[in-house]
Protein backbone atom coordinates (compact mmCIF):
# COMPACT_ATOMS: atom_id res chain seq x y z
CA MET A 1 -5.11 -33.09 26.44
CA ALA A 2 -5.38 -36.09 28.42
CA ALA A 3 -7.35 -35.50 31.92
CA ALA A 4 -4.65 -37.70 33.55
CA GLU A 5 -1.73 -35.39 32.42
CA GLU A 6 -0.17 -33.77 35.34
CA THR A 7 -0.72 -30.29 35.75
CA SER A 8 1.28 -27.21 37.56
CA VAL A 9 0.13 -25.09 39.96
CA SER A 10 -0.93 -22.32 37.79
CA GLY A 11 -2.74 -24.98 35.77
CA MET A 12 -0.90 -25.57 32.76
CA ALA A 13 0.23 -28.75 31.58
CA PRO A 14 4.20 -29.19 32.22
CA LEU A 15 6.47 -28.34 28.93
CA ARG A 16 7.08 -32.18 28.48
CA HIS A 17 3.61 -33.32 27.95
CA ARG A 18 2.98 -30.70 25.77
CA TYR A 19 5.88 -31.28 23.58
CA ARG A 20 5.45 -35.34 23.14
CA SER A 21 3.77 -35.08 20.21
CA GLY A 22 5.72 -33.12 17.99
CA THR A 23 8.60 -33.63 15.91
CA ASN A 24 10.90 -32.42 18.00
CA GLN A 25 11.05 -33.53 21.57
CA PRO A 26 13.48 -31.65 24.11
CA HIS A 27 11.51 -33.14 27.11
CA LYS A 28 13.88 -36.10 26.86
CA ARG A 29 16.66 -33.94 27.72
CA PHE A 30 15.08 -31.40 29.68
CA GLY A 31 16.11 -32.69 33.15
CA ALA A 32 19.47 -33.39 32.09
CA LEU A 33 20.19 -29.71 30.80
CA MET A 34 18.17 -27.85 33.51
CA THR A 35 20.15 -30.04 36.57
CA THR A 36 23.51 -28.76 35.15
CA SER A 37 25.07 -25.93 36.83
CA ALA A 38 26.13 -22.87 34.45
CA SER A 39 29.19 -21.71 34.45
CA GLY A 40 30.57 -19.58 37.36
CA SER A 41 28.07 -19.28 40.19
CA ALA A 42 25.31 -18.73 38.51
CA PRO A 43 22.57 -21.17 40.59
CA ALA A 44 21.15 -24.52 38.27
CA LEU A 45 17.30 -24.42 37.47
CA HIS A 46 15.82 -28.07 37.54
CA GLY A 47 12.34 -29.22 37.85
CA GLU A 48 9.12 -27.21 38.22
CA GLU A 49 11.35 -23.76 38.26
CA ALA A 50 13.29 -24.91 34.66
CA SER A 51 9.31 -25.30 33.54
CA GLY A 52 8.55 -22.61 34.71
CA TRP A 53 10.80 -20.09 33.20
CA VAL A 54 10.84 -22.36 29.73
CA GLN A 55 6.99 -21.85 29.80
CA ASP A 56 7.25 -17.67 30.67
CA TYR A 57 9.85 -17.04 27.82
CA ILE A 58 7.35 -19.29 25.20
CA LEU A 59 4.74 -17.20 26.37
CA GLY A 60 6.38 -14.23 26.34
CA ALA A 61 8.56 -13.16 28.94
CA THR A 62 11.58 -11.37 27.65
CA LEU A 63 15.22 -12.56 28.34
CA ASP A 64 15.80 -9.65 30.89
CA GLU A 65 12.51 -10.71 33.01
CA ILE A 66 13.51 -14.57 32.81
CA ALA A 67 16.97 -13.51 34.20
CA ALA A 68 15.65 -11.43 37.14
CA LYS A 69 13.29 -14.04 37.96
CA THR A 70 15.48 -17.34 37.98
CA GLY A 71 18.35 -15.30 39.30
CA VAL A 72 20.88 -16.38 36.61
CA THR A 73 22.50 -14.22 33.89
CA LYS A 74 21.07 -13.16 30.42
CA PRO A 75 23.76 -14.93 28.45
CA THR A 76 22.99 -18.07 30.95
CA VAL A 77 19.02 -17.76 29.76
CA VAL A 78 20.07 -17.60 25.77
CA ASN A 79 22.32 -20.64 26.52
CA ARG A 80 20.27 -22.70 28.13
CA LEU A 81 17.31 -21.79 25.69
CA THR A 82 19.43 -22.62 22.86
CA LYS A 83 20.70 -25.52 23.79
CA LEU A 84 16.65 -26.52 24.32
CA GLY A 85 16.07 -25.83 20.66
CA ILE A 86 13.69 -22.76 21.36
CA PRO A 87 14.97 -19.62 18.96
CA ILE A 88 15.53 -16.63 20.38
CA ARG A 89 13.06 -13.93 19.88
CA ASN A 90 13.96 -10.39 18.79
CA GLN A 91 12.25 -7.43 20.73
CA ALA A 92 9.89 -7.03 17.97
CA GLU A 93 8.76 -10.56 17.69
CA THR A 94 8.34 -10.89 21.65
CA ASN A 95 5.69 -7.33 21.35
CA ALA A 96 3.98 -8.98 18.60
CA LEU A 97 3.70 -12.15 20.67
CA ARG A 98 2.21 -10.59 23.37
CA CYS A 99 -0.22 -8.49 21.59
CA LYS A 100 -1.42 -12.05 19.76
CA LYS A 101 -1.64 -13.39 23.41
CA ALA A 102 -3.83 -10.08 24.53
CA PHE A 103 -5.99 -10.07 21.25
CA ASP A 104 -6.40 -14.16 21.69
CA LEU A 105 -7.51 -13.12 25.45
CA HIS A 106 -9.83 -10.23 25.36
CA GLY A 107 -10.46 -9.84 21.28
CA GLN A 108 -14.20 -10.62 21.10
CA THR A 109 -14.43 -8.22 24.22
CA ILE A 110 -12.22 -5.97 22.66
CA ARG A 111 -14.72 -5.88 19.68
CA ASN A 112 -17.97 -5.88 21.02
CA ARG A 113 -17.38 -3.00 23.76
CA PHE A 114 -15.76 -0.91 20.73
CA LEU A 115 -19.12 -1.24 18.60
CA GLN A 116 -21.22 -0.41 21.71
CA THR A 117 -19.36 2.26 22.76
CA ARG A 118 -17.07 3.40 19.93
CA ASP A 119 -14.49 4.33 22.34
CA VAL A 120 -11.11 3.47 22.28
CA LYS A 121 -10.32 4.93 25.98
CA VAL A 122 -13.32 2.94 27.62
CA VAL A 123 -12.14 -0.45 25.92
CA ALA A 124 -8.58 -0.05 26.88
CA GLY A 125 -9.49 0.58 30.42
CA GLU A 126 -12.13 -2.25 31.11
CA VAL A 127 -9.82 -4.53 29.54
CA GLY A 128 -6.50 -3.34 30.65
CA LEU A 129 -4.44 -2.89 27.67
CA PRO A 130 -2.76 -0.13 25.92
CA GLU A 131 -4.80 2.05 23.47
CA ALA A 132 -2.18 1.86 21.07
CA THR A 133 -2.52 -1.83 21.63
CA ILE A 134 -6.56 -1.46 21.18
CA LYS A 135 -5.98 0.40 17.78
CA LEU A 136 -4.00 -2.18 16.37
CA PHE A 137 -6.62 -4.88 17.33
CA LEU A 138 -9.71 -2.93 15.90
CA ARG A 139 -7.35 -1.80 12.70
CA ASN A 140 -7.62 -5.82 11.83
CA SER A 141 -10.90 -6.50 12.79
CA VAL A 142 -13.34 -3.12 12.42
CA PRO A 143 -13.50 -1.57 9.20
CA ASP A 144 -13.14 1.99 9.40
CA HIS A 145 -13.02 1.96 12.82
CA GLU A 146 -11.58 5.43 13.25
CA VAL A 147 -15.15 6.73 11.92
CA LEU A 148 -16.46 5.48 14.57
CA ALA A 149 -14.12 6.22 17.16
CA ARG A 150 -15.00 10.27 16.37
CA ALA A 151 -18.07 10.26 17.59
CA PRO A 152 -18.09 8.54 21.09
CA ARG A 153 -21.24 6.80 22.63
CA ASN A 154 -22.95 9.32 24.99
CA PRO A 155 -25.24 7.64 27.22
CA SER A 156 -27.64 10.19 27.92
CA LYS A 157 -28.89 9.79 24.42
CA VAL A 158 -29.92 6.12 24.45
CA TYR A 159 -33.57 5.86 24.05
CA THR A 160 -35.35 2.81 23.88
CA GLU A 161 -38.63 2.65 21.24
CA ASN A 162 -40.83 2.72 24.66
CA ASP A 163 -38.84 6.01 25.63
CA LEU A 164 -39.74 7.11 22.55
CA ILE A 165 -43.50 6.73 22.20
CA THR A 166 -44.21 7.51 25.64
CA SER A 167 -42.64 11.29 24.83
CA LEU A 168 -44.90 11.31 21.94
CA ARG A 169 -47.80 10.52 24.07
CA GLN A 170 -46.99 12.96 26.31
CA ALA A 171 -46.71 15.61 24.12
CA ALA A 172 -49.95 14.11 22.27
CA ALA A 173 -52.02 14.73 25.84
CA THR A 174 -51.27 18.17 25.68
CA VAL A 175 -52.62 19.55 22.48
CA GLU A 176 -56.03 19.10 20.63
CA GLY A 177 -56.03 17.10 17.70
CA ILE A 178 -53.08 16.13 15.85
CA LEU A 179 -49.32 16.31 17.30
CA THR A 180 -47.35 18.52 14.77
CA ASN A 181 -43.88 18.46 14.52
CA ALA A 182 -43.79 21.97 15.51
CA ALA A 183 -46.19 21.05 18.70
CA TYR A 184 -43.71 18.30 19.63
CA GLU A 185 -40.75 20.86 19.48
CA GLY A 186 -42.52 23.10 21.33
CA PHE A 187 -43.27 20.81 23.80
CA VAL A 188 -39.48 19.64 24.18
CA ASP A 189 -38.81 23.46 24.71
CA GLU A 190 -40.93 23.81 27.67
CA ASN A 191 -40.28 19.94 28.93
CA PRO A 192 -36.41 19.28 28.10
CA ASP A 193 -36.03 16.71 30.71
CA LEU A 194 -37.24 13.01 31.19
CA GLU A 195 -37.82 11.93 34.30
CA ASP A 196 -34.75 10.01 34.51
CA GLY A 197 -33.06 13.52 33.99
CA ARG A 198 -32.21 12.25 30.58
CA ARG A 199 -32.23 14.78 27.49
CA ARG A 200 -35.98 14.48 25.92
CA PRO A 201 -35.28 13.05 22.39
CA GLY A 202 -36.43 15.48 19.89
CA ASN A 203 -37.85 15.16 16.05
CA GLN A 204 -34.41 14.35 14.62
CA VAL A 205 -34.53 11.19 17.19
CA MET A 206 -38.07 10.31 15.85
CA GLY A 207 -38.01 10.82 12.03
CA LEU A 208 -34.72 8.74 12.38
CA ARG A 209 -36.05 5.98 14.39
CA PHE A 210 -39.15 5.74 12.62
CA GLY A 211 -38.31 7.05 9.14
CA SER A 212 -41.01 9.61 9.33
CA TRP A 213 -43.01 12.28 11.57
CA THR A 214 -46.02 10.36 10.25
CA GLY A 215 -44.43 6.72 10.89
CA ALA A 216 -43.47 7.89 14.61
CA LEU A 217 -47.21 9.23 15.44
CA THR A 218 -48.46 5.69 14.00
CA ALA A 219 -45.91 3.66 15.85
CA ALA A 220 -47.29 5.65 18.99
CA GLY A 221 -50.73 5.07 17.97
CA LEU A 222 -51.61 8.53 17.48
CA PRO A 223 -53.61 10.03 14.59
CA ALA A 224 -51.26 11.42 11.66
CA ASN A 225 -52.48 13.81 9.01
CA PRO A 226 -51.50 12.47 5.57
CA HIS A 227 -49.11 13.89 3.42
CA ALA A 228 -49.83 16.76 1.74
CA GLY A 229 -48.64 18.44 -1.61
CA PRO A 230 -45.18 17.62 -3.21
CA ALA A 231 -42.36 15.84 -0.94
CA LYS A 232 -39.25 18.74 -0.26
CA GLN A 233 -36.48 17.53 -2.29
CA PHE A 234 -34.23 16.78 0.85
CA GLU A 235 -36.55 16.56 3.63
CA GLY A 236 -35.28 12.97 4.86
CA GLU A 237 -32.62 11.92 6.90
CA ALA A 238 -32.18 8.64 4.94
CA THR A 239 -31.23 10.86 1.45
CA ALA A 240 -28.79 12.14 2.95
CA ILE A 241 -27.25 8.76 4.47
CA ARG A 242 -27.57 7.50 0.87
CA SER A 243 -25.38 10.73 -0.61
CA ILE A 244 -22.88 10.21 1.97
CA VAL A 245 -22.68 6.62 1.27
CA ALA A 246 -22.61 7.12 -2.51
CA CYS A 247 -20.04 9.59 -2.17
CA TRP A 248 -18.24 6.97 0.24
CA HIS A 249 -18.53 4.13 -2.59
CA ASP A 250 -17.22 6.32 -5.24
CA LEU A 251 -13.92 7.69 -3.26
CA VAL A 252 -13.34 4.34 -1.88
CA ARG A 253 -12.86 5.85 1.84
CA PRO A 254 -14.69 7.68 4.23
CA PRO A 255 -15.53 11.14 2.83
CA ASN A 256 -14.51 14.45 4.70
CA VAL A 257 -16.79 17.87 4.36
CA ALA A 258 -14.60 19.08 1.64
CA ALA A 259 -14.00 15.80 -0.18
CA TYR A 260 -18.04 15.15 -0.21
CA ASP A 261 -18.67 19.37 -1.39
CA GLU A 262 -16.13 18.51 -3.94
CA TRP A 263 -18.07 15.06 -5.01
CA GLN A 264 -21.60 16.74 -4.84
CA LYS A 265 -21.24 19.64 -7.33
CA GLY A 266 -23.38 18.92 -10.03
CA LYS A 267 -25.08 16.59 -8.20
CA ILE A 268 -28.85 18.42 -7.52
CA GLU A 269 -29.74 15.29 -6.78
CA HIS A 270 -28.01 14.75 -3.55
CA PRO A 271 -28.11 17.74 -0.27
CA SER A 272 -24.95 19.81 0.44
CA SER A 273 -22.72 19.09 3.16
CA SER A 274 -24.22 21.83 5.29
CA THR A 275 -28.05 20.11 4.92
CA ALA A 276 -26.71 16.76 5.37
CA ARG A 277 -25.48 17.76 8.60
CA ARG A 278 -28.23 19.55 9.61
CA LEU A 279 -30.52 16.54 8.71
CA LEU A 280 -28.09 14.12 10.94
CA GLY A 281 -27.02 16.34 13.30
CA SER A 282 -23.49 16.58 12.78
CA TRP A 283 -20.85 15.26 9.93
CA ASN A 284 -19.07 12.66 12.29
CA LEU A 285 -22.73 11.35 13.33
CA GLY A 286 -23.79 11.23 9.34
CA LEU A 287 -20.29 9.14 8.77
CA VAL A 288 -21.30 6.89 11.79
CA ARG A 289 -24.68 6.27 10.03
CA ALA A 290 -23.81 5.77 6.73
CA TRP A 291 -20.60 2.99 8.04
CA GLN A 292 -23.44 0.92 8.97
CA ILE A 293 -24.64 0.91 5.43
CA VAL A 294 -20.90 0.47 4.12
CA HIS A 295 -19.90 -2.18 6.16
CA GLY A 296 -22.95 -3.99 6.72
CA ILE A 297 -23.34 -4.05 10.62
CA VAL A 298 -26.15 -2.33 12.33
CA LEU A 299 -24.88 -0.74 15.53
CA ASP A 300 -27.29 -0.09 18.78
CA GLN A 301 -30.56 1.34 17.29
CA ASP A 302 -31.60 2.63 20.92
CA ASP A 303 -28.64 4.57 20.09
CA ALA A 304 -30.04 8.38 19.29
CA ASP A 305 -26.65 9.20 17.26
CA VAL A 306 -26.33 6.63 15.18
CA ALA A 307 -29.95 5.42 14.67
CA ILE A 308 -30.82 4.64 10.90
CA PRO A 309 -34.02 5.00 9.03
CA PRO A 310 -35.96 1.47 9.32
CA SER A 311 -35.65 1.32 5.43
CA LEU A 312 -31.89 1.71 5.20
CA ALA A 313 -31.36 -0.75 8.56
CA GLU A 314 -33.66 -3.70 6.80
CA GLY A 315 -31.22 -3.12 3.90
CA GLN A 316 -28.20 -4.66 6.00
CA SER A 317 -29.76 -8.34 6.77
CA ASP A 318 -30.64 -11.12 4.73
CA GLY A 319 -34.23 -11.22 5.46
CA SER A 320 -34.09 -12.85 8.63
CA GLY A 321 -32.88 -10.68 10.59
CA ALA A 322 -29.34 -11.56 10.97
CA LEU A 323 -26.42 -9.62 10.26
CA PRO A 324 -24.01 -9.90 7.62
CA ASP A 325 -21.15 -12.61 8.51
CA HIS A 326 -18.70 -11.79 5.84
CA GLY A 327 -17.09 -8.47 3.88
CA ASP A 328 -14.45 -7.32 1.65
CA TYR A 329 -11.03 -8.95 2.50
CA ARG A 330 -8.87 -7.12 4.72
CA PRO A 331 -5.16 -8.02 3.58
CA ALA A 332 -3.40 -9.23 7.01
CA ASP A 333 -0.35 -7.01 7.85
CA GLU A 334 2.73 -8.95 7.56
CA GLU A 335 4.70 -5.94 9.10
CA ALA A 336 2.99 -4.64 12.13
CA SER A 337 5.27 -4.44 15.44
CA VAL A 338 4.32 -2.30 18.39
CA ALA A 339 5.35 -2.68 22.09
CA PRO A 340 2.96 -2.79 24.53
CA SER A 341 3.65 -3.22 28.10
CA VAL A 342 1.26 -6.27 28.93
CA GLU A 343 1.63 -9.07 30.96
CA LEU A 344 -0.10 -12.05 30.53
CA SER A 345 0.04 -15.71 31.34
CA LEU A 346 -2.20 -18.57 29.39
CA PRO A 347 -3.26 -21.10 32.15
CA ASN A 348 -5.17 -23.36 29.90
CA TYR A 349 -3.43 -23.41 26.78
CA LEU A 350 0.14 -22.62 25.42
CA GLU A 351 0.51 -20.34 22.03
CA LEU A 352 3.85 -20.82 20.26
CA GLU A 353 2.90 -18.87 17.00
CA ARG A 354 6.41 -17.29 17.35
CA ALA A 355 6.53 -16.54 13.74
CA VAL A 356 4.50 -13.61 13.65
CA GLY A 357 4.54 -12.46 10.14
CA SER A 358 4.01 -15.95 8.63
CA HIS A 359 0.13 -16.02 9.83
CA ALA A 360 -0.49 -12.72 7.83
CA ARG A 361 1.81 -14.25 4.86
CA ILE A 362 -0.20 -17.25 4.14
CA GLN A 363 -3.35 -15.59 4.92
CA ASN A 364 -2.82 -13.03 2.13
CA ALA A 365 -1.08 -15.68 -0.22
CA VAL A 366 -4.24 -17.92 -0.41
CA ALA A 367 -6.64 -14.58 -0.71
CA ALA A 368 -4.24 -13.89 -3.67
CA GLU A 369 -4.70 -16.90 -5.41
CA LEU A 370 -8.60 -17.03 -4.93
CA SER A 371 -8.77 -13.47 -6.59
CA GLY A 372 -6.47 -14.97 -9.19
CA VAL A 373 -8.80 -17.58 -10.21
CA GLY A 374 -11.94 -15.42 -10.06
CA MET A 375 -12.67 -16.20 -6.45
CA THR A 376 -13.68 -13.23 -3.97
CA PRO A 377 -12.10 -13.49 -0.57
CA TRP A 378 -14.02 -12.59 2.18
CA SER A 379 -13.19 -11.02 5.60
CA PRO A 380 -15.67 -11.18 8.80
CA THR A 381 -17.88 -8.69 10.04
CA ALA A 382 -18.51 -8.13 13.67
CA ALA A 383 -21.67 -10.18 13.76
CA GLY A 384 -20.31 -13.45 13.09
CA PRO A 385 -17.54 -16.15 13.61
CA GLN A 386 -13.80 -14.74 13.57
CA PHE A 387 -12.35 -16.68 11.05
CA ASP A 388 -9.66 -15.79 8.91
CA LEU A 389 -10.71 -15.40 5.60
CA ALA A 390 -13.51 -16.93 3.80
CA PHE A 391 -14.99 -17.48 0.04
CA ARG A 392 -17.64 -18.89 -1.94
CA GLY A 393 -17.27 -21.93 -3.95
CA ASP A 394 -18.68 -22.59 -7.46
CA ASP A 395 -21.55 -25.24 -5.77
CA GLY A 396 -22.48 -22.32 -3.35
CA ALA A 397 -20.42 -23.55 -0.24
CA PHE A 398 -19.37 -21.08 2.30
CA THR A 399 -15.80 -22.36 2.60
CA VAL A 400 -13.97 -21.22 5.60
CA VAL A 401 -10.21 -20.95 6.03
CA GLU A 402 -8.43 -21.16 9.51
CA VAL A 403 -4.29 -20.25 9.12
CA LYS A 404 -2.12 -21.70 11.02
CA SER A 405 1.60 -20.58 11.43
CA CYS A 406 4.12 -23.29 13.33
CA THR A 407 7.49 -24.45 13.87
CA GLU A 408 8.70 -28.29 14.46
CA GLN A 409 8.58 -27.87 17.68
CA ASN A 410 4.66 -26.52 18.16
CA LEU A 411 3.42 -28.20 14.70
CA GLU A 412 1.19 -30.75 16.78
CA LEU A 413 -0.30 -27.82 19.21
CA GLN A 414 -0.86 -25.49 15.95
CA LEU A 415 -3.18 -28.25 14.84
CA ARG A 416 -5.20 -28.78 17.43
CA LEU A 417 -6.04 -25.61 18.12
CA GLY A 418 -6.42 -24.97 14.37
CA LEU A 419 -8.83 -28.16 13.60
CA GLY A 420 -10.80 -27.21 17.09
CA GLN A 421 -11.10 -23.22 15.39
CA VAL A 422 -11.90 -24.44 12.01
CA LEU A 423 -14.63 -27.05 12.99
CA ARG A 424 -16.35 -24.60 15.93
CA TYR A 425 -16.31 -21.66 12.83
CA ALA A 426 -17.82 -24.37 10.67
CA HIS A 427 -20.49 -25.30 13.24
CA GLN A 428 -21.40 -21.68 13.59
CA LEU A 429 -21.73 -20.74 10.20
CA ARG A 430 -24.25 -23.81 9.44
CA LEU A 431 -26.74 -21.91 11.39
CA ARG A 432 -26.53 -18.87 8.40
CA HIS A 433 -25.52 -21.10 4.95
CA ASP A 434 -27.16 -24.21 4.05
CA GLN A 435 -23.87 -25.66 2.63
CA VAL A 436 -20.13 -25.00 4.38
CA ARG A 437 -16.69 -26.71 3.87
CA ALA A 438 -13.80 -25.94 6.22
CA VAL A 439 -10.18 -25.61 5.43
CA LEU A 440 -6.74 -25.46 7.44
CA ALA A 441 -4.36 -23.73 6.09
CA THR A 442 -1.13 -24.66 7.62
CA GLU A 443 2.83 -23.35 7.14
CA LEU A 444 4.36 -26.84 7.43
CA ASN A 445 3.07 -30.25 6.46
CA PRO A 446 1.17 -32.30 8.84
CA SER A 447 2.27 -35.86 9.32
CA SER A 448 0.43 -38.72 7.45
CA GLU A 449 -1.66 -39.41 10.72
CA TRP A 450 -2.67 -36.04 10.83
CA LEU A 451 -3.80 -35.92 7.36
CA ASP A 452 -5.93 -38.88 7.94
CA LEU A 453 -7.59 -37.34 10.99
CA LEU A 454 -8.25 -34.06 8.58
CA GLU A 455 -9.80 -36.89 5.82
CA GLN A 456 -12.12 -38.14 8.24
CA LEU A 457 -13.62 -34.88 9.59
CA ALA A 458 -13.71 -33.65 6.01
CA VAL A 459 -11.42 -30.77 6.77
CA HIS A 460 -9.71 -29.95 3.42
CA VAL A 461 -5.51 -29.02 3.79
CA ILE A 462 -3.72 -26.28 2.09
CA ARG A 463 -0.11 -26.25 2.72
CA GLU A 464 2.14 -23.40 2.34
CA ALA A 465 4.57 -25.38 0.51
CA SER A 466 2.47 -26.51 -2.34
CA LEU A 467 -0.54 -23.69 -1.66
CA LYS A 468 -0.89 -23.33 -5.46
CA GLU A 469 -2.07 -27.28 -6.08
CA ASP A 470 -3.85 -27.75 -2.77
CA LEU A 471 -5.91 -24.73 -3.39
CA GLN A 472 -6.97 -26.38 -6.66
CA ARG A 473 -8.00 -29.70 -4.94
CA VAL A 474 -10.90 -27.40 -2.50
CA LEU A 475 -11.69 -26.06 -5.52
CA ALA A 476 -11.87 -28.76 -7.63
CA VAL A 477 -14.55 -30.28 -4.76
CA THR A 478 -16.55 -27.43 -5.32
């Protein structure tokens, strides 16, 4: 948007400026309509007042809210919106639009804070949204988020590596010779709290953080005995985590205790659920540790409840220490409908993505076409940019797709938003992938001027009406 464009009191450009590049331009008759009195005694709406209430409706206000704010009847509001060519939303569409606004404003914060706290209630309180809205967002952005939610973060059990090493050295100072596992356990019994009042970390925390008791002593710079005799079959936490992961993969879902016990029958190489719980603290904590392996997202390893042995954590990166930025495709929900009580305003941009199911429909259609030609569609993980979907072309290029549903009224705006998003995602992904290709998938056909611009910027276009043919052209480039 040009710097010289007029802005309203809220910092939002007046409606007439934002529509000027669209195929329909209701601003040309905006003034005349809004200065004409409604039937009866309803007051006329004009100027900034009219612009403001139309903006409010487009942003998600209900007809009743607009009527109360402006002092006109609800039928009058409906009539004037209809004359402006603005379709009337039903309640489900309004609820979904408000949800999307909340996700646009708070999505990254919701995702990051949930992965840190694993607590829906805490996140809802921090961002000021209903828990139902938070759960809806997590359902589509954090895989198997229920596993994490069943084991909320306990701040008193967060230990830095220095905390652990200090505790080991303090214990070692009280014994002669090598600090054994049993000697440390006795030290913890006699000295249960750290200086700051937190519970002193036990043997299990040491084993999970450093891989073994010997590894813990070595990290602390303390002498350690070499392992004597044959290793116990299930002495390592890593074995229990790998077994839960193997069961998870076979069942294609997070296993509960009963499902794991049924799966484990006859598999003597895997520990029983009771052994796994003893090694990992509880079944839910075991699932949280396995979740990190299954989904390739490593949580805060200072958190004793979710720490995984280094040998497992290292396997979740590409060797550079970076976590995966993509994973299995998660189909978008084309029927999502909730009723959050959210009051939102967007001072910096106007979002007109009213057809709430269109985005999901187009995204799933692209994924289905990719699968149909042998390509693997991906969804983003919490470790990277939140694109709609991606795939790797035959030439090895990481291809990122941004989907934009639109109407004739908001096509220009949606193209601007989509172009900015896909270029930003491509730039971020080039820090991790040698070759990245950008694709913009749209519900309506961009103008020839827009197609020229996208071609100049090396952004490929997929249009819903010609999705199969356009995707084939993108694939031919690869």
